[in-house]
N, C-alpha and C. Protein backbone atom coordinates (compact mmCIF):
# COMPACT_ATOMS: atom_id res chain seq x y z
N MET A 1 0.76 -1.18 -0.01
CA MET A 1 0.09 0.01 0.01
C MET A 1 1.01 1.11 0.01
N ARG A 2 2.18 1.29 0.89
CA ARG A 2 2.85 2.55 0.95
C ARG A 2 3.42 2.60 -0.39
N ARG A 3 4.10 1.43 -0.96
CA ARG A 3 4.58 1.75 -2.25
C ARG A 3 3.71 2.24 -3.48
N PHE A 4 2.42 1.90 -3.23
CA PHE A 4 1.25 2.36 -4.27
C PHE A 4 1.22 3.91 -3.95
N LEU A 5 1.13 4.33 -2.76
CA LEU A 5 1.07 5.78 -2.34
C LEU A 5 2.37 6.50 -2.84
N LEU A 6 3.42 6.13 -2.58
CA LEU A 6 4.43 6.77 -3.27
C LEU A 6 4.52 6.73 -4.70
N SER A 7 4.09 5.83 -5.33
CA SER A 7 4.16 5.71 -6.82
C SER A 7 2.98 6.83 -7.33
N ALA A 8 1.94 6.96 -6.65
CA ALA A 8 0.85 7.85 -7.02
C ALA A 8 1.52 9.15 -6.80
N ALA A 9 2.07 9.52 -5.55
CA ALA A 9 2.64 10.84 -5.45
C ALA A 9 3.78 11.23 -6.36
N ALA A 10 4.46 10.17 -6.75
CA ALA A 10 5.61 10.42 -7.77
C ALA A 10 5.06 10.92 -9.31
N ALA A 11 3.67 10.02 -9.51
CA ALA A 11 3.00 10.55 -10.76
C ALA A 11 2.38 11.98 -10.86
N LEU A 12 1.82 12.30 -9.72
CA LEU A 12 1.38 13.66 -9.56
C LEU A 12 2.60 14.75 -9.70
N ALA A 13 3.36 14.41 -9.19
CA ALA A 13 4.58 15.28 -8.90
C ALA A 13 5.02 15.58 -10.49
N THR A 14 5.09 14.42 -11.19
CA THR A 14 5.57 14.52 -12.55
C THR A 14 4.42 15.33 -13.54
N VAL A 15 3.14 15.09 -13.18
CA VAL A 15 2.02 16.00 -13.72
C VAL A 15 2.25 17.30 -13.81
N SER A 16 2.64 17.77 -12.39
CA SER A 16 2.64 19.03 -12.06
C SER A 16 3.63 19.98 -12.79
N VAL A 17 4.78 19.37 -13.19
CA VAL A 17 5.92 20.10 -14.01
C VAL A 17 5.58 20.16 -15.48
N VAL A 18 4.43 19.53 -16.00
CA VAL A 18 4.21 19.35 -17.52
C VAL A 18 3.91 21.06 -17.88
N PRO A 19 4.62 21.55 -18.96
CA PRO A 19 4.44 23.00 -19.30
C PRO A 19 2.96 22.99 -19.57
N ILE A 20 2.35 24.27 -19.46
CA ILE A 20 1.02 24.82 -19.93
C ILE A 20 0.98 24.91 -21.47
N ALA A 21 0.04 24.59 -22.05
CA ALA A 21 0.14 24.90 -23.60
C ALA A 21 -0.40 26.11 -23.89
N SER A 22 0.09 26.65 -24.84
CA SER A 22 -0.16 27.92 -25.31
C SER A 22 -1.79 28.03 -25.64
N ALA A 23 -2.22 29.39 -25.71
CA ALA A 23 -3.58 29.55 -26.26
C ALA A 23 -3.94 29.08 -27.58
N GLN A 24 -5.07 28.23 -27.72
CA GLN A 24 -5.52 27.75 -28.99
C GLN A 24 -6.92 27.44 -29.21
N THR A 25 -7.45 27.26 -30.21
CA THR A 25 -8.76 26.66 -30.46
C THR A 25 -9.26 25.79 -29.46
N LEU A 26 -10.31 25.97 -28.87
CA LEU A 26 -11.10 25.07 -28.18
C LEU A 26 -12.24 24.46 -28.48
N LYS A 27 -12.36 23.18 -28.96
CA LYS A 27 -13.39 22.72 -29.39
C LYS A 27 -14.35 21.99 -28.31
N VAL A 28 -15.66 22.39 -28.00
CA VAL A 28 -16.19 21.90 -27.07
C VAL A 28 -17.56 21.13 -27.30
N VAL A 29 -17.88 19.94 -26.94
CA VAL A 29 -19.20 19.51 -26.92
C VAL A 29 -19.90 19.87 -25.66
N MET A 30 -21.04 20.58 -25.60
CA MET A 30 -21.56 20.94 -24.46
C MET A 30 -23.04 19.96 -24.40
N HIS A 31 -23.42 19.91 -23.05
CA HIS A 31 -24.53 18.93 -22.50
C HIS A 31 -25.90 19.30 -23.32
N SER A 32 -25.73 20.16 -24.16
CA SER A 32 -27.26 20.42 -24.99
C SER A 32 -26.79 21.25 -26.08
N ASP A 33 -27.81 21.22 -27.17
CA ASP A 33 -27.59 22.28 -28.28
C ASP A 33 -28.09 23.89 -27.60
N VAL A 34 -27.41 24.67 -28.30
CA VAL A 34 -27.86 26.08 -28.00
C VAL A 34 -28.91 26.41 -29.13
N LYS A 35 -30.19 26.27 -28.51
CA LYS A 35 -31.18 26.39 -29.69
C LYS A 35 -31.62 27.96 -29.54
N VAL A 36 -31.54 28.58 -28.34
CA VAL A 36 -32.08 30.02 -28.18
C VAL A 36 -30.79 30.69 -27.97
N LEU A 37 -30.52 32.06 -28.29
CA LEU A 37 -29.37 32.55 -28.13
C LEU A 37 -29.56 33.91 -27.12
N ASP A 38 -30.83 34.29 -26.86
CA ASP A 38 -31.12 35.42 -25.92
C ASP A 38 -31.44 34.96 -24.68
N PRO A 39 -30.24 35.35 -23.70
CA PRO A 39 -30.36 34.92 -22.31
C PRO A 39 -31.48 35.37 -21.54
N ILE A 40 -32.00 36.42 -22.06
CA ILE A 40 -33.18 37.22 -21.26
C ILE A 40 -34.59 36.47 -21.61
N TRP A 41 -34.54 36.05 -22.97
CA TRP A 41 -35.94 35.41 -23.31
C TRP A 41 -35.95 34.23 -22.83
N SER A 42 -34.82 33.27 -22.71
CA SER A 42 -34.69 31.91 -22.26
C SER A 42 -34.11 31.66 -21.04
N GLY A 43 -34.73 30.67 -20.32
CA GLY A 43 -34.06 30.33 -19.03
C GLY A 43 -33.26 29.10 -18.98
N ALA A 44 -32.82 28.64 -20.28
CA ALA A 44 -31.98 27.39 -20.36
C ALA A 44 -30.62 27.83 -19.91
N TYR A 45 -30.14 26.83 -19.04
CA TYR A 45 -28.80 26.99 -18.52
C TYR A 45 -27.66 26.88 -19.85
N ILE A 46 -27.97 26.24 -20.91
CA ILE A 46 -27.07 26.25 -21.81
C ILE A 46 -27.08 27.76 -22.54
N THR A 47 -28.05 28.34 -22.59
CA THR A 47 -28.09 29.68 -23.23
C THR A 47 -27.53 30.69 -22.12
N ARG A 48 -27.77 30.49 -20.88
CA ARG A 48 -27.16 31.42 -19.73
C ARG A 48 -25.49 31.03 -19.84
N ASN A 49 -25.08 29.87 -20.18
CA ASN A 49 -23.62 29.45 -20.15
C ASN A 49 -23.03 30.39 -21.28
N HIS A 50 -23.66 30.30 -22.48
CA HIS A 50 -23.21 31.09 -23.88
C HIS A 50 -23.57 32.54 -23.62
N GLY A 51 -24.22 32.91 -22.78
CA GLY A 51 -24.57 34.43 -22.49
C GLY A 51 -23.45 34.87 -21.71
N TYR A 52 -22.72 34.27 -20.65
CA TYR A 52 -21.73 34.72 -19.97
C TYR A 52 -20.27 34.80 -20.97
N MET A 53 -20.46 34.25 -21.96
CA MET A 53 -19.27 34.29 -22.79
C MET A 53 -19.41 35.69 -23.71
N LEU A 54 -20.51 36.10 -23.97
CA LEU A 54 -20.80 37.27 -24.90
C LEU A 54 -21.08 38.61 -24.08
N TYR A 55 -21.47 38.44 -23.02
CA TYR A 55 -22.14 39.66 -22.23
C TYR A 55 -21.28 39.73 -20.78
N ASP A 56 -21.58 41.00 -20.37
CA ASP A 56 -20.93 41.33 -18.96
C ASP A 56 -22.13 41.70 -18.13
N VAL A 57 -21.91 41.68 -16.77
CA VAL A 57 -22.86 42.21 -15.84
C VAL A 57 -22.28 43.31 -15.01
N LEU A 58 -23.31 43.84 -14.27
CA LEU A 58 -22.86 44.97 -13.38
C LEU A 58 -22.10 44.56 -12.13
N PHE A 59 -22.63 43.44 -11.66
CA PHE A 59 -21.94 42.64 -10.44
C PHE A 59 -22.00 41.41 -10.56
N ALA A 60 -21.06 40.67 -9.85
CA ALA A 60 -20.86 39.21 -10.17
C ALA A 60 -20.28 38.64 -8.84
N MET A 61 -20.58 37.25 -8.73
CA MET A 61 -20.14 36.62 -7.28
C MET A 61 -18.80 36.42 -7.67
N ASP A 62 -17.95 36.51 -6.45
CA ASP A 62 -16.40 35.96 -6.60
C ASP A 62 -16.62 34.44 -6.02
N GLU A 63 -15.25 34.10 -5.86
CA GLU A 63 -15.09 32.52 -5.34
C GLU A 63 -15.55 32.35 -3.99
N LYS A 64 -15.86 33.48 -3.45
CA LYS A 64 -16.45 33.13 -1.97
C LYS A 64 -17.84 33.47 -1.89
N PHE A 65 -18.47 33.53 -2.97
CA PHE A 65 -19.87 33.93 -3.20
C PHE A 65 -20.32 35.16 -2.46
N GLN A 66 -19.30 36.18 -2.73
CA GLN A 66 -19.64 37.59 -2.12
C GLN A 66 -19.93 38.39 -3.70
N VAL A 67 -21.08 39.21 -3.60
CA VAL A 67 -21.25 40.04 -4.71
C VAL A 67 -20.38 41.07 -4.81
N LYS A 68 -19.62 41.13 -6.01
CA LYS A 68 -18.59 42.38 -6.27
C LYS A 68 -18.97 43.23 -7.47
N PRO A 69 -18.55 44.34 -7.58
CA PRO A 69 -18.66 45.16 -8.77
C PRO A 69 -17.96 44.59 -10.00
N GLN A 70 -18.66 44.63 -11.15
CA GLN A 70 -17.95 44.12 -12.43
C GLN A 70 -17.95 45.12 -13.28
N MET A 71 -19.04 45.54 -14.07
CA MET A 71 -18.89 46.83 -14.91
C MET A 71 -19.06 48.00 -13.98
N VAL A 72 -19.55 48.03 -13.00
CA VAL A 72 -19.59 49.15 -11.93
C VAL A 72 -18.56 49.51 -11.32
N ASP A 73 -18.17 50.69 -11.19
CA ASP A 73 -16.82 51.30 -10.67
C ASP A 73 -17.05 51.68 -9.21
N THR A 74 -18.10 52.45 -9.00
CA THR A 74 -18.70 52.69 -7.46
C THR A 74 -19.93 52.77 -7.42
N TRP A 75 -20.59 52.74 -6.20
CA TRP A 75 -22.13 52.81 -6.12
C TRP A 75 -22.26 53.48 -4.59
N THR A 76 -23.25 54.12 -4.58
CA THR A 76 -23.62 54.59 -3.26
C THR A 76 -25.05 54.53 -2.95
N THR A 77 -25.65 54.53 -1.56
CA THR A 77 -26.84 54.49 -1.26
C THR A 77 -27.32 55.69 -0.65
N SER A 78 -28.41 56.29 -0.68
CA SER A 78 -28.80 57.35 0.16
C SER A 78 -29.12 56.81 1.77
N ASP A 79 -29.17 57.75 2.46
CA ASP A 79 -29.47 57.50 3.78
C ASP A 79 -30.66 56.66 4.17
N ASP A 80 -31.78 56.99 3.47
CA ASP A 80 -32.99 56.42 3.43
C ASP A 80 -33.06 55.05 2.81
N GLY A 81 -32.23 54.67 2.12
CA GLY A 81 -31.96 53.47 1.26
C GLY A 81 -32.91 53.38 0.04
N LEU A 82 -33.56 54.50 -0.52
CA LEU A 82 -34.21 54.66 -1.64
C LEU A 82 -33.54 54.93 -2.86
N VAL A 83 -32.51 55.64 -2.95
CA VAL A 83 -31.69 55.86 -4.02
C VAL A 83 -30.38 55.25 -4.06
N TRP A 84 -30.11 54.41 -5.17
CA TRP A 84 -29.00 53.63 -5.48
C TRP A 84 -28.37 54.18 -6.56
N THR A 85 -27.13 54.83 -6.54
CA THR A 85 -26.59 55.36 -7.53
C THR A 85 -25.25 54.54 -8.01
N PHE A 86 -25.16 54.32 -9.44
CA PHE A 86 -24.20 53.47 -9.92
C PHE A 86 -23.18 54.15 -11.04
N LYS A 87 -22.07 54.21 -10.86
CA LYS A 87 -21.13 54.78 -11.84
C LYS A 87 -20.37 53.53 -12.58
N LEU A 88 -20.42 53.52 -13.69
CA LEU A 88 -19.50 52.42 -14.60
C LEU A 88 -18.17 52.68 -14.71
N ARG A 89 -17.35 51.75 -14.93
CA ARG A 89 -15.86 51.81 -14.91
C ARG A 89 -15.64 52.62 -16.32
N ASP A 90 -14.47 53.24 -16.21
CA ASP A 90 -13.91 53.83 -17.56
C ASP A 90 -13.59 52.94 -18.50
N GLY A 91 -13.68 53.19 -19.82
CA GLY A 91 -13.25 52.29 -20.88
C GLY A 91 -13.92 50.93 -21.32
N LEU A 92 -15.21 50.89 -20.82
CA LEU A 92 -16.10 49.86 -21.14
C LEU A 92 -16.73 50.04 -22.66
N GLU A 93 -16.52 49.17 -23.51
CA GLU A 93 -16.91 49.18 -24.88
C GLU A 93 -17.82 47.94 -25.37
N TRP A 94 -18.64 48.15 -26.17
CA TRP A 94 -19.41 47.10 -26.90
C TRP A 94 -18.43 46.43 -27.85
N HIS A 95 -18.83 45.24 -28.36
CA HIS A 95 -17.90 44.39 -29.29
C HIS A 95 -17.75 45.39 -30.62
N ASP A 96 -18.60 46.14 -30.92
CA ASP A 96 -18.90 47.24 -32.18
C ASP A 96 -17.90 48.41 -32.02
N GLY A 97 -17.27 48.50 -30.67
CA GLY A 97 -16.44 49.86 -30.53
C GLY A 97 -17.04 50.80 -29.63
N GLN A 98 -18.57 50.81 -29.66
CA GLN A 98 -19.22 51.80 -28.99
C GLN A 98 -19.05 51.95 -27.37
N PRO A 99 -18.98 52.92 -26.75
CA PRO A 99 -18.92 53.02 -25.40
C PRO A 99 -20.40 52.43 -24.85
N VAL A 100 -20.11 51.73 -23.47
CA VAL A 100 -21.21 51.24 -22.88
C VAL A 100 -21.73 52.68 -22.11
N THR A 101 -22.94 52.74 -22.05
CA THR A 101 -23.60 53.97 -21.35
C THR A 101 -24.65 53.71 -20.25
N ALA A 102 -24.89 54.69 -19.45
CA ALA A 102 -26.01 54.26 -18.35
C ALA A 102 -27.31 54.04 -19.09
N GLU A 103 -27.56 54.82 -20.21
CA GLU A 103 -28.68 54.37 -20.99
C GLU A 103 -28.81 52.87 -21.45
N ASP A 104 -27.83 52.41 -21.74
CA ASP A 104 -27.67 50.77 -22.12
C ASP A 104 -28.13 50.03 -20.88
N CYS A 105 -27.52 50.32 -19.86
CA CYS A 105 -27.71 49.66 -18.59
C CYS A 105 -29.05 49.76 -18.09
N VAL A 106 -29.87 50.73 -18.15
CA VAL A 106 -31.11 50.95 -17.74
C VAL A 106 -31.89 50.18 -18.69
N ALA A 107 -31.83 50.29 -19.83
CA ALA A 107 -32.69 49.38 -20.91
C ALA A 107 -32.54 47.95 -20.61
N SER A 108 -31.18 47.56 -20.54
CA SER A 108 -31.00 46.18 -20.14
C SER A 108 -31.55 45.75 -18.83
N LEU A 109 -31.72 46.61 -17.74
CA LEU A 109 -32.35 46.21 -16.49
C LEU A 109 -33.68 46.09 -16.70
N LYS A 110 -34.46 46.99 -17.35
CA LYS A 110 -35.95 46.99 -17.83
C LYS A 110 -36.09 45.69 -18.48
N ARG A 111 -35.44 45.31 -19.56
CA ARG A 111 -35.73 44.21 -20.16
C ARG A 111 -35.51 42.81 -19.17
N TRP A 112 -34.56 42.80 -18.55
CA TRP A 112 -34.31 41.73 -17.58
C TRP A 112 -35.51 41.63 -16.40
N SER A 113 -35.90 42.74 -15.93
CA SER A 113 -36.88 42.52 -14.87
C SER A 113 -38.20 42.13 -15.27
N ALA A 114 -38.38 42.08 -16.57
CA ALA A 114 -39.62 41.79 -17.17
C ALA A 114 -39.75 40.31 -17.19
N ARG A 115 -38.60 39.61 -17.17
CA ARG A 115 -38.55 38.22 -17.56
C ARG A 115 -38.11 37.51 -16.24
N ASP A 116 -37.29 38.05 -15.25
CA ASP A 116 -36.79 37.42 -14.17
C ASP A 116 -37.58 37.56 -12.95
N ALA A 117 -37.86 36.53 -12.09
CA ALA A 117 -38.66 36.70 -10.87
C ALA A 117 -37.97 37.60 -9.81
N MET A 118 -36.69 37.76 -9.76
CA MET A 118 -36.26 38.57 -8.91
C MET A 118 -36.24 39.96 -9.31
N GLY A 119 -36.10 40.05 -10.68
CA GLY A 119 -35.99 41.39 -11.27
C GLY A 119 -37.57 42.09 -11.22
N GLN A 120 -38.58 41.16 -11.21
CA GLN A 120 -39.92 41.44 -11.06
C GLN A 120 -40.15 41.88 -9.72
N LYS A 121 -39.41 41.22 -8.52
CA LYS A 121 -39.47 41.72 -7.20
C LYS A 121 -39.08 43.19 -7.11
N LEU A 122 -38.00 43.43 -7.82
CA LEU A 122 -37.12 44.75 -7.74
C LEU A 122 -38.12 45.88 -8.25
N ALA A 123 -38.86 45.29 -9.46
CA ALA A 123 -39.74 46.22 -10.21
C ALA A 123 -40.86 46.91 -9.47
N GLN A 124 -41.53 45.88 -8.40
CA GLN A 124 -42.37 46.25 -7.61
C GLN A 124 -41.98 47.45 -6.64
N SER A 125 -40.90 47.39 -6.30
CA SER A 125 -40.58 48.49 -5.31
C SER A 125 -39.94 49.64 -6.06
N LEU A 126 -39.83 49.73 -7.42
CA LEU A 126 -38.97 50.69 -8.31
C LEU A 126 -40.10 51.94 -8.48
N GLN A 127 -39.46 53.12 -8.41
CA GLN A 127 -40.12 54.34 -8.56
C GLN A 127 -39.89 54.74 -10.15
N GLU A 128 -38.47 54.68 -10.23
CA GLU A 128 -37.99 54.95 -11.48
C GLU A 128 -36.42 54.84 -11.79
N TYR A 129 -36.06 54.57 -12.93
CA TYR A 129 -34.31 54.57 -13.40
C TYR A 129 -34.08 55.92 -13.64
N LYS A 130 -33.25 56.48 -13.26
CA LYS A 130 -32.79 57.87 -13.56
C LYS A 130 -31.51 58.01 -14.19
N ILE A 131 -31.32 58.55 -15.53
CA ILE A 131 -29.83 58.94 -15.93
C ILE A 131 -29.21 60.01 -15.43
N VAL A 132 -28.17 59.79 -14.59
CA VAL A 132 -27.38 61.08 -14.07
C VAL A 132 -26.42 61.97 -15.18
N ASP A 133 -25.72 60.87 -15.80
CA ASP A 133 -24.79 61.34 -16.85
C ASP A 133 -24.48 60.05 -17.70
N PRO A 134 -23.66 60.11 -18.92
CA PRO A 134 -23.51 59.10 -19.69
C PRO A 134 -23.00 57.88 -18.93
N LYS A 135 -22.22 58.07 -17.97
CA LYS A 135 -21.66 56.86 -17.20
C LYS A 135 -22.38 56.58 -15.61
N THR A 136 -23.48 57.15 -15.44
CA THR A 136 -24.07 57.19 -14.07
C THR A 136 -25.56 57.00 -14.17
N PHE A 137 -26.35 56.19 -13.50
CA PHE A 137 -27.54 56.07 -13.38
C PHE A 137 -28.00 55.78 -11.85
N GLN A 138 -29.22 55.96 -11.76
CA GLN A 138 -29.87 55.64 -10.37
C GLN A 138 -31.25 54.77 -10.49
N ILE A 139 -31.16 53.72 -9.51
CA ILE A 139 -32.22 53.22 -9.18
C ILE A 139 -33.11 53.80 -8.00
N VAL A 140 -34.05 54.45 -8.13
CA VAL A 140 -34.82 55.25 -7.17
C VAL A 140 -36.08 54.27 -6.84
N LEU A 141 -36.21 53.99 -5.60
CA LEU A 141 -37.27 53.00 -5.16
C LEU A 141 -38.21 53.89 -4.48
N LYS A 142 -39.45 53.22 -4.48
CA LYS A 142 -40.64 53.84 -3.58
C LYS A 142 -40.88 53.33 -2.19
N GLU A 143 -40.07 52.11 -2.02
CA GLU A 143 -39.84 51.46 -0.85
C GLU A 143 -38.74 50.68 -0.71
N LYS A 144 -38.22 50.42 0.41
CA LYS A 144 -36.91 49.80 0.64
C LYS A 144 -37.14 48.41 0.08
N PHE A 145 -35.98 48.08 -0.65
CA PHE A 145 -35.73 46.69 -1.25
C PHE A 145 -34.34 46.33 -0.84
N GLY A 146 -34.29 45.09 0.12
CA GLY A 146 -33.15 44.81 0.58
C GLY A 146 -32.07 44.17 -0.10
N ALA A 147 -32.47 43.67 -1.40
CA ALA A 147 -31.67 42.73 -2.05
C ALA A 147 -31.28 43.32 -3.22
N VAL A 148 -31.10 44.68 -3.56
CA VAL A 148 -30.72 45.49 -4.64
C VAL A 148 -29.41 44.67 -5.28
N ILE A 149 -28.27 44.95 -4.78
CA ILE A 149 -27.08 44.32 -5.07
C ILE A 149 -27.18 42.78 -5.38
N GLU A 150 -27.74 42.03 -4.51
CA GLU A 150 -27.76 40.85 -4.74
C GLU A 150 -28.47 40.25 -5.97
N SER A 151 -29.49 41.16 -6.42
CA SER A 151 -30.70 40.97 -7.47
C SER A 151 -29.69 41.15 -8.61
N LEU A 152 -28.91 42.38 -8.65
CA LEU A 152 -28.20 42.74 -9.75
C LEU A 152 -26.96 41.76 -10.13
N GLY A 153 -26.42 41.13 -8.85
CA GLY A 153 -25.24 40.07 -9.01
C GLY A 153 -25.69 38.67 -9.10
N LYS A 154 -27.10 38.40 -9.27
CA LYS A 154 -27.41 36.92 -9.28
C LYS A 154 -26.83 36.23 -10.70
N PRO A 155 -26.39 35.01 -10.20
CA PRO A 155 -25.45 34.21 -11.10
C PRO A 155 -26.23 33.27 -12.17
N SER A 156 -27.41 33.22 -11.75
CA SER A 156 -28.10 32.03 -12.57
C SER A 156 -29.38 32.62 -13.12
N VAL A 157 -30.01 31.92 -13.99
CA VAL A 157 -30.95 32.30 -14.89
C VAL A 157 -32.24 33.14 -14.23
N VAL A 158 -32.80 34.09 -14.67
CA VAL A 158 -32.13 34.97 -15.84
C VAL A 158 -31.29 35.91 -15.32
N VAL A 159 -30.03 35.74 -15.79
CA VAL A 159 -28.78 36.79 -15.51
C VAL A 159 -29.04 38.32 -15.98
N PRO A 160 -28.86 39.30 -15.26
CA PRO A 160 -29.10 40.64 -15.84
C PRO A 160 -27.91 41.07 -16.69
N PHE A 161 -27.82 40.38 -17.66
CA PHE A 161 -26.78 40.94 -18.83
C PHE A 161 -27.04 42.16 -19.25
N MET A 162 -25.96 42.89 -19.61
CA MET A 162 -25.81 44.11 -20.10
C MET A 162 -25.76 44.03 -21.49
N MET A 163 -26.69 44.77 -22.29
CA MET A 163 -26.72 44.94 -23.68
C MET A 163 -26.78 46.13 -24.24
N PRO A 164 -26.38 46.72 -25.51
CA PRO A 164 -26.72 47.96 -25.90
C PRO A 164 -28.05 48.31 -25.95
N ARG A 165 -28.37 49.51 -25.72
CA ARG A 165 -29.77 50.09 -25.55
C ARG A 165 -30.57 49.64 -26.82
N ARG A 166 -30.22 49.77 -28.01
CA ARG A 166 -30.84 49.30 -29.21
C ARG A 166 -31.34 47.93 -29.09
N ILE A 167 -30.59 47.05 -28.68
CA ILE A 167 -30.84 45.53 -28.79
C ILE A 167 -31.70 45.46 -27.37
N ALA A 168 -31.32 46.05 -26.22
CA ALA A 168 -32.24 45.81 -24.90
C ALA A 168 -33.72 46.32 -24.95
N GLU A 169 -33.98 47.36 -25.97
CA GLU A 169 -35.30 47.88 -26.08
C GLU A 169 -36.13 46.77 -26.92
N THR A 170 -35.58 45.58 -27.38
CA THR A 170 -36.40 44.81 -27.93
C THR A 170 -37.52 44.18 -26.88
N ASP A 171 -38.64 44.13 -27.18
CA ASP A 171 -39.77 43.38 -26.55
C ASP A 171 -39.20 42.28 -25.65
N PRO A 172 -39.39 42.28 -24.41
CA PRO A 172 -38.73 41.10 -23.63
C PRO A 172 -39.51 39.77 -23.94
N PHE A 173 -40.40 39.66 -24.67
CA PHE A 173 -41.23 38.51 -24.94
C PHE A 173 -40.98 38.12 -26.38
N LYS A 174 -39.98 38.91 -27.14
CA LYS A 174 -39.52 38.49 -28.47
C LYS A 174 -37.92 38.33 -28.32
N GLN A 175 -37.47 37.45 -29.10
CA GLN A 175 -36.00 37.09 -29.11
C GLN A 175 -35.24 38.42 -29.74
N ILE A 176 -34.05 38.65 -29.25
CA ILE A 176 -33.23 39.58 -29.92
C ILE A 176 -32.55 38.99 -31.22
N GLU A 177 -32.28 39.81 -32.05
CA GLU A 177 -31.64 39.21 -33.35
C GLU A 177 -30.07 39.78 -33.55
N ASP A 178 -29.75 40.45 -32.50
CA ASP A 178 -28.39 41.07 -32.68
C ASP A 178 -27.62 40.54 -31.43
N TYR A 179 -26.46 40.13 -31.46
CA TYR A 179 -25.76 39.83 -30.30
C TYR A 179 -24.47 40.25 -30.00
N ILE A 180 -24.32 41.79 -29.79
CA ILE A 180 -23.37 42.44 -29.55
C ILE A 180 -23.38 42.64 -27.97
N GLY A 181 -22.41 42.16 -27.39
CA GLY A 181 -22.01 42.26 -26.01
C GLY A 181 -20.95 43.05 -25.45
N SER A 182 -20.48 42.75 -24.42
CA SER A 182 -19.05 43.39 -23.81
C SER A 182 -18.19 42.54 -23.27
N GLY A 183 -18.64 41.22 -23.33
CA GLY A 183 -18.04 40.02 -22.49
C GLY A 183 -16.67 39.82 -23.56
N PRO A 184 -16.28 38.57 -22.82
CA PRO A 184 -14.85 38.20 -23.30
C PRO A 184 -14.76 37.60 -24.61
N PHE A 185 -15.95 37.12 -25.21
CA PHE A 185 -15.93 36.53 -26.63
C PHE A 185 -16.93 37.41 -27.60
N VAL A 186 -16.76 37.22 -28.91
CA VAL A 186 -17.56 37.79 -29.76
C VAL A 186 -18.17 36.57 -30.59
N PHE A 187 -19.56 36.65 -30.52
CA PHE A 187 -20.30 35.82 -31.18
C PHE A 187 -20.04 35.77 -32.90
N LYS A 188 -19.86 34.70 -33.48
CA LYS A 188 -19.60 34.75 -35.00
C LYS A 188 -20.89 34.11 -35.70
N LYS A 189 -21.82 35.13 -35.87
CA LYS A 189 -23.04 34.78 -36.25
C LYS A 189 -23.23 34.11 -37.74
N ASP A 190 -22.17 34.73 -38.36
CA ASP A 190 -22.05 34.14 -39.80
C ASP A 190 -21.58 32.75 -39.91
N GLU A 191 -20.78 32.21 -39.02
CA GLU A 191 -20.30 30.95 -38.88
C GLU A 191 -21.38 29.82 -37.99
N TRP A 192 -22.41 30.40 -37.66
CA TRP A 192 -23.27 29.50 -36.61
C TRP A 192 -23.95 28.58 -37.52
N SER A 193 -23.95 27.36 -37.30
CA SER A 193 -24.61 26.23 -37.94
C SER A 193 -25.65 25.60 -36.89
N TYR A 194 -26.72 25.95 -36.94
CA TYR A 194 -27.87 25.49 -35.90
C TYR A 194 -27.83 23.87 -35.70
N ARG A 195 -27.53 23.59 -34.55
CA ARG A 195 -27.50 22.20 -33.81
C ARG A 195 -26.18 21.64 -34.47
N GLN A 196 -25.08 22.25 -34.96
CA GLN A 196 -23.96 21.68 -35.40
C GLN A 196 -22.81 22.59 -35.01
N LYS A 197 -22.71 23.76 -35.06
CA LYS A 197 -21.63 24.60 -34.59
C LYS A 197 -21.81 25.88 -34.35
N LEU A 198 -21.13 26.30 -33.10
CA LEU A 198 -21.50 27.71 -32.60
C LEU A 198 -20.02 28.25 -32.22
N VAL A 199 -19.70 29.27 -32.85
CA VAL A 199 -18.27 30.00 -32.92
C VAL A 199 -18.26 31.29 -32.12
N THR A 200 -17.45 31.45 -31.18
CA THR A 200 -16.98 32.67 -30.44
C THR A 200 -15.70 32.88 -30.64
N ALA A 201 -15.06 34.07 -30.68
CA ALA A 201 -13.59 34.41 -30.69
C ALA A 201 -13.31 35.37 -29.90
């Protein structure tokens, strides 16, 4: 038994010194076909997973399950807890090179809250969204809602992904047809073969 453990330890030590390969194309077979590309319209996990490749979020959970700012640089809350002010980080851009604006984020939140249960709860307490400047917006509540940041940072379906205003203003009960995000990958729509191949780069 001891000899077996020593052999296993030696094998693991050998594995740990193997050099890491350089970046290259990764071909993956997922658990399901990506039948729908709109992560707000669909609650499918495969659609959500694909959404995380294309889109970014205002807040996200870290490895300790703590909600942390992602696209947001700073945020403040009024003393009465009714006005939440969010300022976006500098340099945020959509895949087409256009800057991410507060109007984009407000339009995205409106569309998300029409489809998501947590978003609908937040909307019940909402008085208005207010644009302060191109990078700053406010969520103004008519009554306190204790889970504002947790709602914006929820990691599972339906995720409040940010989209350009022109796309986010699509009827939430109709699928979007344009897939411009600001996430780590760009969707290659011209290379998409339904049920066969989906390419992001």
